[in-house]
Amino acid sequence: MRILEGDHELYSEIVDRYQGRLVNFLNRLLRNMEAAHDVAQDVFLKVFNALDRFDPKYKFSTWIFRVAHNQAIDEIRKRRIKWVSLQRKDSSDDSEYEWEIPDHNASPYRDLRNRERGDAIHEAIDALPADYRELVVLRHYGELSYDEIAQLKEMPLGTVKNKLFRGRQMLKEQLTEYLGD
């Protein structure tokens, strides 16, 4: 890459190439388009300032999406939890009493079953070969479309669909005993 050799005028090409996908990816993580644009700007600044640390033996697209993912996590951590008092005053005598809030959570048994099922799914995904695992994670956790994955991985669309199908088949085989029907 000529940009790694100091040709910084090419940086606008990087922005043009990745901006749409990064903003879309960040919007999916942050669920806020304005925040996605702001974080994307931060990502491009960080990438520009760290170009000398980029290892060309890895794909640039993977690196920039990893930086974006980390920035999104930082942004989510910055968001503050809004606290609401669970006490309210009774207008007749200025005394306070607790709100009665119904518990809509699942039963402890259902929580345990769901947690165990989630753990089994994560273990099965971790056991997939690396190329299948990465595609499954991008599709189902990164919520990227097939086209976005094909662009990101620089693979033909048919190959992405085929590998995702095979990866899901492997997961199904690994999880059949655990998940039942």
N, C-alpha and C. Protein backbone atom coordinates (compact mmCIF):
# COMPACT_ATOMS: atom_id res chain seq x y z
N MET A 1 0.85 -1.19 0.00
CA MET A 1 0.00 0.00 0.00
C MET A 1 0.89 1.24 0.00
N ARG A 2 0.63 2.09 -0.95
CA ARG A 2 1.44 3.31 -1.05
C ARG A 2 1.20 4.25 0.13
N ILE A 3 0.03 4.17 0.71
CA ILE A 3 -0.25 5.04 1.86
C ILE A 3 0.66 4.70 3.03
N LEU A 4 1.04 3.44 3.18
CA LEU A 4 1.94 3.04 4.25
C LEU A 4 3.35 3.57 4.02
N GLU A 5 3.64 3.90 2.77
CA GLU A 5 4.95 4.45 2.43
C GLU A 5 4.97 5.97 2.54
N GLY A 6 3.89 6.56 3.03
CA GLY A 6 3.86 8.00 3.27
C GLY A 6 3.02 8.81 2.31
N ASP A 7 2.35 8.19 1.36
CA ASP A 7 1.51 8.91 0.40
C ASP A 7 0.13 9.14 1.04
N HIS A 8 0.05 10.13 1.93
CA HIS A 8 -1.15 10.37 2.72
C HIS A 8 -2.30 10.96 1.91
N GLU A 9 -2.06 11.38 0.69
CA GLU A 9 -3.16 11.87 -0.15
C GLU A 9 -4.11 10.74 -0.51
N LEU A 10 -3.65 9.53 -0.45
CA LEU A 10 -4.48 8.36 -0.75
C LEU A 10 -5.48 8.06 0.37
N TYR A 11 -5.33 8.74 1.51
CA TYR A 11 -6.21 8.45 2.63
C TYR A 11 -7.67 8.72 2.30
N SER A 12 -7.93 9.71 1.45
CA SER A 12 -9.32 9.99 1.07
C SER A 12 -9.94 8.79 0.35
N GLU A 13 -9.12 8.02 -0.37
CA GLU A 13 -9.63 6.81 -1.02
C GLU A 13 -10.05 5.77 0.02
N ILE A 14 -9.30 5.69 1.11
CA ILE A 14 -9.65 4.76 2.18
C ILE A 14 -10.99 5.18 2.80
N VAL A 15 -11.13 6.48 3.04
CA VAL A 15 -12.38 6.97 3.61
C VAL A 15 -13.53 6.66 2.65
N ASP A 16 -13.35 6.94 1.37
CA ASP A 16 -14.40 6.67 0.39
C ASP A 16 -14.75 5.19 0.35
N ARG A 17 -13.76 4.34 0.44
CA ARG A 17 -13.98 2.90 0.32
C ARG A 17 -14.71 2.32 1.53
N TYR A 18 -14.39 2.79 2.73
CA TYR A 18 -14.89 2.17 3.94
C TYR A 18 -15.96 2.96 4.69
N GLN A 19 -16.17 4.21 4.36
CA GLN A 19 -17.06 5.04 5.16
C GLN A 19 -18.47 4.48 5.25
N GLY A 20 -19.07 4.14 4.13
CA GLY A 20 -20.44 3.64 4.15
C GLY A 20 -20.59 2.37 4.97
N ARG A 21 -19.68 1.43 4.74
CA ARG A 21 -19.76 0.17 5.47
C ARG A 21 -19.49 0.35 6.95
N LEU A 22 -18.52 1.22 7.28
CA LEU A 22 -18.22 1.44 8.70
C LEU A 22 -19.40 2.09 9.41
N VAL A 23 -19.98 3.11 8.78
CA VAL A 23 -21.12 3.79 9.41
C VAL A 23 -22.27 2.80 9.59
N ASN A 24 -22.53 1.97 8.60
CA ASN A 24 -23.58 0.97 8.71
C ASN A 24 -23.29 -0.02 9.83
N PHE A 25 -22.06 -0.51 9.87
CA PHE A 25 -21.64 -1.44 10.92
C PHE A 25 -21.79 -0.79 12.30
N LEU A 26 -21.32 0.44 12.43
CA LEU A 26 -21.40 1.14 13.72
C LEU A 26 -22.84 1.44 14.11
N ASN A 27 -23.66 1.78 13.12
CA ASN A 27 -25.07 2.05 13.41
C ASN A 27 -25.74 0.79 13.94
N ARG A 28 -25.36 -0.35 13.40
CA ARG A 28 -25.94 -1.61 13.88
C ARG A 28 -25.51 -1.91 15.31
N LEU A 29 -24.30 -1.53 15.67
CA LEU A 29 -23.83 -1.76 17.04
C LEU A 29 -24.38 -0.73 18.01
N LEU A 30 -24.41 0.54 17.59
CA LEU A 30 -24.79 1.62 18.49
C LEU A 30 -26.28 1.94 18.46
N ARG A 31 -26.96 1.53 17.40
CA ARG A 31 -28.39 1.80 17.22
C ARG A 31 -28.69 3.30 17.22
N ASN A 32 -27.74 4.07 16.66
CA ASN A 32 -27.91 5.51 16.60
C ASN A 32 -27.05 6.02 15.44
N MET A 33 -27.71 6.54 14.40
CA MET A 33 -26.98 6.94 13.20
C MET A 33 -26.03 8.10 13.47
N GLU A 34 -26.45 9.07 14.26
CA GLU A 34 -25.59 10.22 14.56
C GLU A 34 -24.33 9.77 15.30
N ALA A 35 -24.50 8.91 16.28
CA ALA A 35 -23.35 8.39 17.02
C ALA A 35 -22.45 7.56 16.10
N ALA A 36 -23.07 6.83 15.16
CA ALA A 36 -22.29 6.03 14.22
C ALA A 36 -21.39 6.91 13.36
N HIS A 37 -21.91 8.04 12.90
CA HIS A 37 -21.10 8.97 12.10
C HIS A 37 -19.96 9.55 12.94
N ASP A 38 -20.26 9.91 14.17
CA ASP A 38 -19.23 10.47 15.06
C ASP A 38 -18.12 9.45 15.34
N VAL A 39 -18.52 8.23 15.65
CA VAL A 39 -17.53 7.19 15.95
C VAL A 39 -16.72 6.86 14.69
N ALA A 40 -17.38 6.86 13.53
CA ALA A 40 -16.66 6.58 12.27
C ALA A 40 -15.56 7.62 12.06
N GLN A 41 -15.85 8.89 12.35
CA GLN A 41 -14.82 9.93 12.24
C GLN A 41 -13.65 9.62 13.17
N ASP A 42 -13.97 9.22 14.41
CA ASP A 42 -12.92 8.87 15.36
C ASP A 42 -12.09 7.69 14.85
N VAL A 43 -12.77 6.73 14.23
CA VAL A 43 -12.07 5.55 13.70
C VAL A 43 -11.10 5.97 12.62
N PHE A 44 -11.54 6.82 11.69
CA PHE A 44 -10.66 7.24 10.60
C PHE A 44 -9.47 8.03 11.13
N LEU A 45 -9.68 8.85 12.15
CA LEU A 45 -8.55 9.56 12.76
C LEU A 45 -7.58 8.59 13.42
N LYS A 46 -8.12 7.64 14.16
CA LYS A 46 -7.26 6.67 14.82
C LYS A 46 -6.47 5.86 13.82
N VAL A 47 -7.13 5.43 12.76
CA VAL A 47 -6.47 4.63 11.73
C VAL A 47 -5.37 5.45 11.05
N PHE A 48 -5.68 6.69 10.74
CA PHE A 48 -4.69 7.56 10.09
C PHE A 48 -3.45 7.71 10.97
N ASN A 49 -3.69 7.94 12.27
CA ASN A 49 -2.58 8.14 13.19
C ASN A 49 -1.81 6.85 13.49
N ALA A 50 -2.42 5.70 13.21
CA ALA A 50 -1.78 4.43 13.52
C ALA A 50 -1.34 3.68 12.26
N LEU A 51 -1.32 4.32 11.12
CA LEU A 51 -0.95 3.64 9.88
C LEU A 51 0.43 3.00 9.95
N ASP A 52 1.33 3.64 10.69
CA ASP A 52 2.68 3.09 10.79
C ASP A 52 2.72 1.78 11.60
N ARG A 53 1.66 1.52 12.36
CA ARG A 53 1.59 0.29 13.16
C ARG A 53 0.79 -0.82 12.48
N PHE A 54 0.24 -0.53 11.30
CA PHE A 54 -0.52 -1.55 10.57
C PHE A 54 0.42 -2.61 10.03
N ASP A 55 0.06 -3.87 10.25
CA ASP A 55 0.87 -4.99 9.76
C ASP A 55 0.29 -5.45 8.43
N PRO A 56 0.98 -5.21 7.31
CA PRO A 56 0.44 -5.53 5.99
C PRO A 56 0.20 -7.02 5.73
N LYS A 57 0.65 -7.89 6.61
CA LYS A 57 0.37 -9.31 6.39
C LYS A 57 -1.10 -9.62 6.71
N TYR A 58 -1.82 -8.69 7.34
CA TYR A 58 -3.25 -8.83 7.62
C TYR A 58 -4.04 -7.97 6.65
N LYS A 59 -5.31 -8.28 6.51
CA LYS A 59 -6.17 -7.49 5.63
C LYS A 59 -6.47 -6.15 6.28
N PHE A 60 -6.41 -5.09 5.48
CA PHE A 60 -6.69 -3.76 5.99
C PHE A 60 -8.14 -3.66 6.46
N SER A 61 -9.05 -4.26 5.70
CA SER A 61 -10.47 -4.19 6.06
C SER A 61 -10.72 -4.81 7.43
N THR A 62 -10.05 -5.90 7.73
CA THR A 62 -10.22 -6.54 9.03
C THR A 62 -9.71 -5.62 10.13
N TRP A 63 -8.60 -4.99 9.89
CA TRP A 63 -8.01 -4.09 10.88
C TRP A 63 -8.93 -2.90 11.16
N ILE A 64 -9.42 -2.26 10.10
CA ILE A 64 -10.24 -1.06 10.29
C ILE A 64 -11.57 -1.41 10.97
N PHE A 65 -12.12 -2.59 10.66
CA PHE A 65 -13.35 -3.00 11.32
C PHE A 65 -13.10 -3.37 12.78
N ARG A 66 -11.92 -3.88 13.10
CA ARG A 66 -11.58 -4.17 14.49
C ARG A 66 -11.46 -2.86 15.27
N VAL A 67 -10.82 -1.86 14.68
CA VAL A 67 -10.72 -0.54 15.32
C VAL A 67 -12.13 0.02 15.54
N ALA A 68 -12.99 -0.11 14.53
CA ALA A 68 -14.37 0.40 14.64
C ALA A 68 -15.12 -0.33 15.74
N HIS A 69 -14.95 -1.62 15.81
CA HIS A 69 -15.63 -2.41 16.85
C HIS A 69 -15.19 -1.95 18.23
N ASN A 70 -13.88 -1.78 18.42
CA ASN A 70 -13.37 -1.33 19.71
C ASN A 70 -13.88 0.07 20.07
N GLN A 71 -13.93 0.96 19.09
CA GLN A 71 -14.44 2.32 19.33
C GLN A 71 -15.92 2.27 19.71
N ALA A 72 -16.68 1.40 19.06
CA ALA A 72 -18.11 1.27 19.39
C ALA A 72 -18.29 0.78 20.83
N ILE A 73 -17.47 -0.18 21.23
CA ILE A 73 -17.56 -0.67 22.61
C ILE A 73 -17.23 0.45 23.59
N ASP A 74 -16.21 1.25 23.29
CA ASP A 74 -15.88 2.39 24.15
C ASP A 74 -17.04 3.37 24.22
N GLU A 75 -17.70 3.62 23.09
CA GLU A 75 -18.83 4.55 23.06
C GLU A 75 -19.99 4.01 23.89
N ILE A 76 -20.25 2.73 23.79
CA ILE A 76 -21.35 2.13 24.57
C ILE A 76 -21.04 2.24 26.06
N ARG A 77 -19.78 2.06 26.44
CA ARG A 77 -19.40 2.17 27.84
C ARG A 77 -19.54 3.59 28.37
N LYS A 78 -19.39 4.58 27.49
CA LYS A 78 -19.49 5.98 27.90
C LYS A 78 -20.93 6.38 28.20
N ARG A 79 -21.87 5.71 27.55
CA ARG A 79 -23.27 6.07 27.76
C ARG A 79 -23.63 5.85 29.21
N ARG A 80 -24.33 6.81 29.74
CA ARG A 80 -24.67 6.73 31.16
C ARG A 80 -26.04 6.09 31.34
N ILE A 81 -26.14 5.37 32.42
CA ILE A 81 -27.42 4.77 32.78
C ILE A 81 -28.26 5.87 33.42
N LYS A 82 -29.50 5.99 32.99
CA LYS A 82 -30.39 6.99 33.58
C LYS A 82 -31.11 6.35 34.76
N TRP A 83 -30.94 6.98 35.91
CA TRP A 83 -31.53 6.45 37.13
C TRP A 83 -32.89 7.09 37.35
N VAL A 84 -33.82 6.29 37.80
CA VAL A 84 -35.17 6.76 38.13
C VAL A 84 -35.47 6.30 39.54
N SER A 85 -35.95 7.20 40.33
CA SER A 85 -36.30 6.85 41.69
C SER A 85 -37.48 5.89 41.70
N LEU A 86 -37.40 4.89 42.54
CA LEU A 86 -38.50 3.94 42.67
C LEU A 86 -39.45 4.33 43.80
N GLN A 87 -39.22 5.52 44.35
CA GLN A 87 -40.11 6.02 45.39
C GLN A 87 -40.88 7.20 44.83
N ARG A 88 -42.11 7.34 45.24
CA ARG A 88 -42.90 8.51 44.84
C ARG A 88 -43.68 9.00 46.05
N LYS A 89 -44.00 10.28 45.99
CA LYS A 89 -44.71 10.89 47.11
C LYS A 89 -46.21 10.76 46.91
N ASP A 90 -46.88 10.51 48.01
CA ASP A 90 -48.34 10.49 48.00
C ASP A 90 -48.78 11.93 48.20
N SER A 91 -49.55 12.44 47.29
CA SER A 91 -49.91 13.86 47.31
C SER A 91 -50.76 14.24 48.52
N SER A 92 -51.45 13.29 49.13
CA SER A 92 -52.34 13.64 50.24
C SER A 92 -51.61 13.91 51.55
N ASP A 93 -50.55 13.16 51.83
CA ASP A 93 -49.88 13.38 53.13
C ASP A 93 -48.36 13.48 53.02
N ASP A 94 -47.82 13.71 51.85
CA ASP A 94 -46.40 13.87 51.61
C ASP A 94 -45.55 12.68 52.05
N SER A 95 -46.15 11.51 52.22
CA SER A 95 -45.36 10.34 52.56
C SER A 95 -44.88 9.67 51.26
N GLU A 96 -43.79 8.93 51.39
CA GLU A 96 -43.24 8.25 50.22
C GLU A 96 -43.61 6.77 50.28
N TYR A 97 -43.81 6.17 49.14
CA TYR A 97 -44.03 4.73 49.06
C TYR A 97 -43.38 4.21 47.79
N GLU A 98 -43.15 2.92 47.77
CA GLU A 98 -42.45 2.29 46.66
C GLU A 98 -43.42 2.04 45.50
N TRP A 99 -42.88 2.18 44.29
CA TRP A 99 -43.64 1.79 43.10
C TRP A 99 -43.77 0.27 43.10
N GLU A 100 -44.87 -0.20 42.66
CA GLU A 100 -45.02 -1.64 42.50
C GLU A 100 -44.73 -1.97 41.04
N ILE A 101 -43.60 -2.64 40.83
CA ILE A 101 -43.17 -2.95 39.47
C ILE A 101 -43.26 -4.46 39.28
N PRO A 102 -44.06 -4.89 38.32
CA PRO A 102 -44.19 -6.34 38.10
C PRO A 102 -42.88 -6.92 37.56
N ASP A 103 -42.62 -8.14 37.94
CA ASP A 103 -41.42 -8.85 37.48
C ASP A 103 -41.78 -9.67 36.26
N HIS A 104 -41.27 -9.25 35.09
CA HIS A 104 -41.55 -9.94 33.84
C HIS A 104 -40.39 -10.85 33.43
N ASN A 105 -39.45 -11.02 34.32
CA ASN A 105 -38.30 -11.86 33.99
C ASN A 105 -38.72 -13.32 33.90
N ALA A 106 -37.92 -14.07 33.19
CA ALA A 106 -38.16 -15.50 33.08
C ALA A 106 -37.90 -16.16 34.43
N SER A 107 -38.40 -17.35 34.57
CA SER A 107 -38.19 -18.09 35.80
C SER A 107 -36.71 -18.45 35.93
N PRO A 108 -36.24 -18.73 37.12
CA PRO A 108 -34.83 -19.12 37.28
C PRO A 108 -34.47 -20.33 36.42
N TYR A 109 -35.41 -21.30 36.30
CA TYR A 109 -35.14 -22.47 35.46
C TYR A 109 -34.95 -22.06 34.01
N ARG A 110 -35.82 -21.18 33.50
CA ARG A 110 -35.71 -20.74 32.11
C ARG A 110 -34.43 -19.94 31.91
N ASP A 111 -34.08 -19.10 32.89
CA ASP A 111 -32.81 -18.36 32.79
C ASP A 111 -31.62 -19.30 32.70
N LEU A 112 -31.61 -20.33 33.53
CA LEU A 112 -30.51 -21.30 33.52
C LEU A 112 -30.46 -22.04 32.19
N ARG A 113 -31.63 -22.49 31.72
CA ARG A 113 -31.69 -23.21 30.45
C ARG A 113 -31.21 -22.34 29.29
N ASN A 114 -31.63 -21.07 29.28
CA ASN A 114 -31.21 -20.16 28.22
C ASN A 114 -29.71 -19.88 28.29
N ARG A 115 -29.19 -19.74 29.50
CA ARG A 115 -27.75 -19.49 29.66
C ARG A 115 -26.95 -20.71 29.19
N GLU A 116 -27.41 -21.91 29.57
CA GLU A 116 -26.73 -23.13 29.14
C GLU A 116 -26.80 -23.28 27.62
N ARG A 117 -27.95 -22.99 27.05
CA ARG A 117 -28.11 -23.06 25.60
C ARG A 117 -27.18 -22.06 24.91
N GLY A 118 -27.11 -20.84 25.45
CA GLY A 118 -26.22 -19.83 24.89
C GLY A 118 -24.76 -20.25 24.97
N ASP A 119 -24.38 -20.84 26.11
CA ASP A 119 -23.00 -21.33 26.27
C ASP A 119 -22.69 -22.42 25.25
N ALA A 120 -23.66 -23.33 25.05
CA ALA A 120 -23.46 -24.41 24.08
C ALA A 120 -23.30 -23.85 22.67
N ILE A 121 -24.09 -22.85 22.34
CA ILE A 121 -24.00 -22.23 21.01
C ILE A 121 -22.64 -21.56 20.84
N HIS A 122 -22.21 -20.81 21.86
CA HIS A 122 -20.90 -20.15 21.78
C HIS A 122 -19.77 -21.17 21.65
N GLU A 123 -19.85 -22.26 22.40
CA GLU A 123 -18.82 -23.29 22.30
C GLU A 123 -18.81 -23.93 20.92
N ALA A 124 -20.00 -24.15 20.36
CA ALA A 124 -20.09 -24.75 19.03
C ALA A 124 -19.52 -23.81 17.98
N ILE A 125 -19.80 -22.52 18.12
CA ILE A 125 -19.25 -21.54 17.18
C ILE A 125 -17.73 -21.50 17.31
N ASP A 126 -17.23 -21.52 18.55
CA ASP A 126 -15.78 -21.51 18.76
C ASP A 126 -15.10 -22.74 18.17
N ALA A 127 -15.83 -23.86 18.09
CA ALA A 127 -15.26 -25.10 17.57
C ALA A 127 -15.24 -25.15 16.05
N LEU A 128 -15.92 -24.20 15.39
CA LEU A 128 -15.91 -24.19 13.92
C LEU A 128 -14.52 -23.84 13.40
N PRO A 129 -14.19 -24.31 12.19
CA PRO A 129 -12.94 -23.85 11.56
C PRO A 129 -12.97 -22.32 11.44
N ALA A 130 -11.82 -21.70 11.51
CA ALA A 130 -11.72 -20.24 11.60
C ALA A 130 -12.47 -19.51 10.49
N ASP A 131 -12.38 -19.98 9.23
CA ASP A 131 -13.03 -19.25 8.15
C ASP A 131 -14.55 -19.33 8.25
N TYR A 132 -15.09 -20.45 8.72
CA TYR A 132 -16.54 -20.56 8.90
C TYR A 132 -16.98 -19.74 10.11
N ARG A 133 -16.20 -19.83 11.19
CA ARG A 133 -16.53 -19.10 12.42
C ARG A 133 -16.61 -17.61 12.16
N GLU A 134 -15.64 -17.07 11.44
CA GLU A 134 -15.62 -15.63 11.18
C GLU A 134 -16.85 -15.20 10.39
N LEU A 135 -17.24 -15.98 9.39
CA LEU A 135 -18.41 -15.63 8.59
C LEU A 135 -19.70 -15.71 9.41
N VAL A 136 -19.82 -16.74 10.25
CA VAL A 136 -21.01 -16.87 11.10
C VAL A 136 -21.10 -15.69 12.06
N VAL A 137 -19.98 -15.31 12.66
CA VAL A 137 -19.98 -14.19 13.60
C VAL A 137 -20.32 -12.89 12.89
N LEU A 138 -19.74 -12.64 11.73
CA LEU A 138 -20.06 -11.42 10.99
C LEU A 138 -21.53 -11.36 10.63
N ARG A 139 -22.10 -12.49 10.24
CA ARG A 139 -23.50 -12.52 9.81
C ARG A 139 -24.46 -12.40 10.98
N HIS A 140 -24.25 -13.21 12.03
CA HIS A 140 -25.25 -13.31 13.09
C HIS A 140 -24.99 -12.42 14.29
N TYR A 141 -23.74 -12.05 14.53
CA TYR A 141 -23.45 -11.14 15.64
C TYR A 141 -23.14 -9.74 15.13
N GLY A 142 -22.45 -9.65 14.01
CA GLY A 142 -22.17 -8.35 13.40
C GLY A 142 -23.34 -7.84 12.57
N GLU A 143 -24.30 -8.72 12.29
CA GLU A 143 -25.50 -8.39 11.52
C GLU A 143 -25.17 -7.80 10.16
N LEU A 144 -24.09 -8.26 9.56
CA LEU A 144 -23.74 -7.80 8.22
C LEU A 144 -24.49 -8.63 7.18
N SER A 145 -24.86 -7.99 6.09
CA SER A 145 -25.53 -8.71 5.00
C SER A 145 -24.52 -9.59 4.27
N TYR A 146 -25.02 -10.49 3.43
CA TYR A 146 -24.12 -11.33 2.65
C TYR A 146 -23.21 -10.47 1.77
N ASP A 147 -23.79 -9.44 1.15
CA ASP A 147 -23.00 -8.55 0.29
C ASP A 147 -21.90 -7.85 1.08
N GLU A 148 -22.23 -7.38 2.28
CA GLU A 148 -21.23 -6.70 3.11
C GLU A 148 -20.11 -7.65 3.50
N ILE A 149 -20.47 -8.87 3.81
CA ILE A 149 -19.45 -9.86 4.18
C ILE A 149 -18.56 -10.15 2.97
N ALA A 150 -19.20 -10.31 1.80
CA ALA A 150 -18.43 -10.59 0.59
C ALA A 150 -17.44 -9.46 0.32
N GLN A 151 -17.88 -8.22 0.51
CA GLN A 151 -16.99 -7.07 0.30
C GLN A 151 -15.89 -7.05 1.35
N LEU A 152 -16.27 -7.25 2.59
CA LEU A 152 -15.31 -7.20 3.69
C LEU A 152 -14.23 -8.28 3.53
N LYS A 153 -14.65 -9.49 3.17
CA LYS A 153 -13.72 -10.61 3.07
C LYS A 153 -13.13 -10.75 1.67
N GLU A 154 -13.58 -9.89 0.76
CA GLU A 154 -13.13 -9.93 -0.63
C GLU A 154 -13.29 -11.33 -1.21
N MET A 155 -14.52 -11.86 -1.05
CA MET A 155 -14.87 -13.19 -1.54
C MET A 155 -16.06 -13.04 -2.48
N PRO A 156 -16.24 -13.96 -3.40
CA PRO A 156 -17.45 -13.94 -4.21
C PRO A 156 -18.68 -14.19 -3.32
N LEU A 157 -19.80 -13.58 -3.68
CA LEU A 157 -21.03 -13.70 -2.90
C LEU A 157 -21.44 -15.16 -2.75
N GLY A 158 -21.34 -15.95 -3.82
CA GLY A 158 -21.70 -17.36 -3.76
C GLY A 158 -20.86 -18.14 -2.77
N THR A 159 -19.57 -17.81 -2.66
CA THR A 159 -18.68 -18.47 -1.71
C THR A 159 -19.11 -18.16 -0.28
N VAL A 160 -19.47 -16.89 -0.04
CA VAL A 160 -19.92 -16.49 1.30
C VAL A 160 -21.18 -17.27 1.67
N LYS A 161 -22.15 -17.32 0.75
CA LYS A 161 -23.39 -18.04 1.04
C LYS A 161 -23.13 -19.53 1.27
N ASN A 162 -22.27 -20.11 0.47
CA ASN A 162 -21.96 -21.53 0.59
C ASN A 162 -21.29 -21.82 1.92
N LYS A 163 -20.29 -21.00 2.29
CA LYS A 163 -19.57 -21.24 3.55
C LYS A 163 -20.49 -21.01 4.76
N LEU A 164 -21.38 -20.02 4.67
CA LEU A 164 -22.32 -19.81 5.77
C LEU A 164 -23.26 -21.00 5.89
N PHE A 165 -23.72 -21.52 4.77
CA PHE A 165 -24.60 -22.70 4.79
C PHE A 165 -23.87 -23.87 5.44
N ARG A 166 -22.63 -24.13 5.02
CA ARG A 166 -21.86 -25.24 5.58
C ARG A 166 -21.57 -25.02 7.07
N GLY A 167 -21.25 -23.77 7.43
CA GLY A 167 -21.00 -23.46 8.85
C GLY A 167 -22.24 -23.70 9.70
N ARG A 168 -23.41 -23.32 9.19
CA ARG A 168 -24.67 -23.55 9.92
C ARG A 168 -24.95 -25.04 10.03
N GLN A 169 -24.64 -25.78 8.98
CA GLN A 169 -24.84 -27.24 9.01
C GLN A 169 -23.96 -27.86 10.08
N MET A 170 -22.71 -27.40 10.18
CA MET A 170 -21.81 -27.92 11.21
C MET A 170 -22.35 -27.59 12.60
N LEU A 171 -22.86 -26.37 12.77
CA LEU A 171 -23.44 -25.99 14.06
C LEU A 171 -24.64 -26.86 14.39
N LYS A 172 -25.48 -27.08 13.39
CA LYS A 172 -26.67 -27.91 13.60
C LYS A 172 -26.27 -29.31 14.05
N GLU A 173 -25.26 -29.89 13.41
CA GLU A 173 -24.80 -31.23 13.79
C GLU A 173 -24.26 -31.24 15.21
N GLN A 174 -23.51 -30.19 15.58
CA GLN A 174 -22.93 -30.14 16.92
C GLN A 174 -23.99 -29.92 18.00
N LEU A 175 -25.06 -29.22 17.65
CA LEU A 175 -26.06 -28.82 18.64
C LEU A 175 -27.31 -29.69 18.62
N THR A 176 -27.41 -30.66 17.72
CA THR A 176 -28.62 -31.47 17.60
C THR A 176 -28.98 -32.16 18.91
N GLU A 177 -28.00 -32.80 19.54
CA GLU A 177 -28.26 -33.49 20.80
C GLU A 177 -28.71 -32.51 21.88
N TYR A 178 -28.07 -31.37 21.93
CA TYR A 178 -28.35 -30.42 23.01
C TYR A 178 -29.69 -29.71 22.81
N LEU A 179 -29.96 -29.27 21.59
CA LEU A 179 -31.14 -28.46 21.34
C LEU A 179 -32.38 -29.28 20.99
N GLY A 180 -32.20 -30.54 20.68
CA GLY A 180 -33.36 -31.35 20.32
C GLY A 180 -33.85 -30.96 18.95
N ASP A 181 -35.16 -30.87 18.80
CA ASP A 181 -35.73 -30.58 17.47
C ASP A 181 -35.40 -29.18 17.06
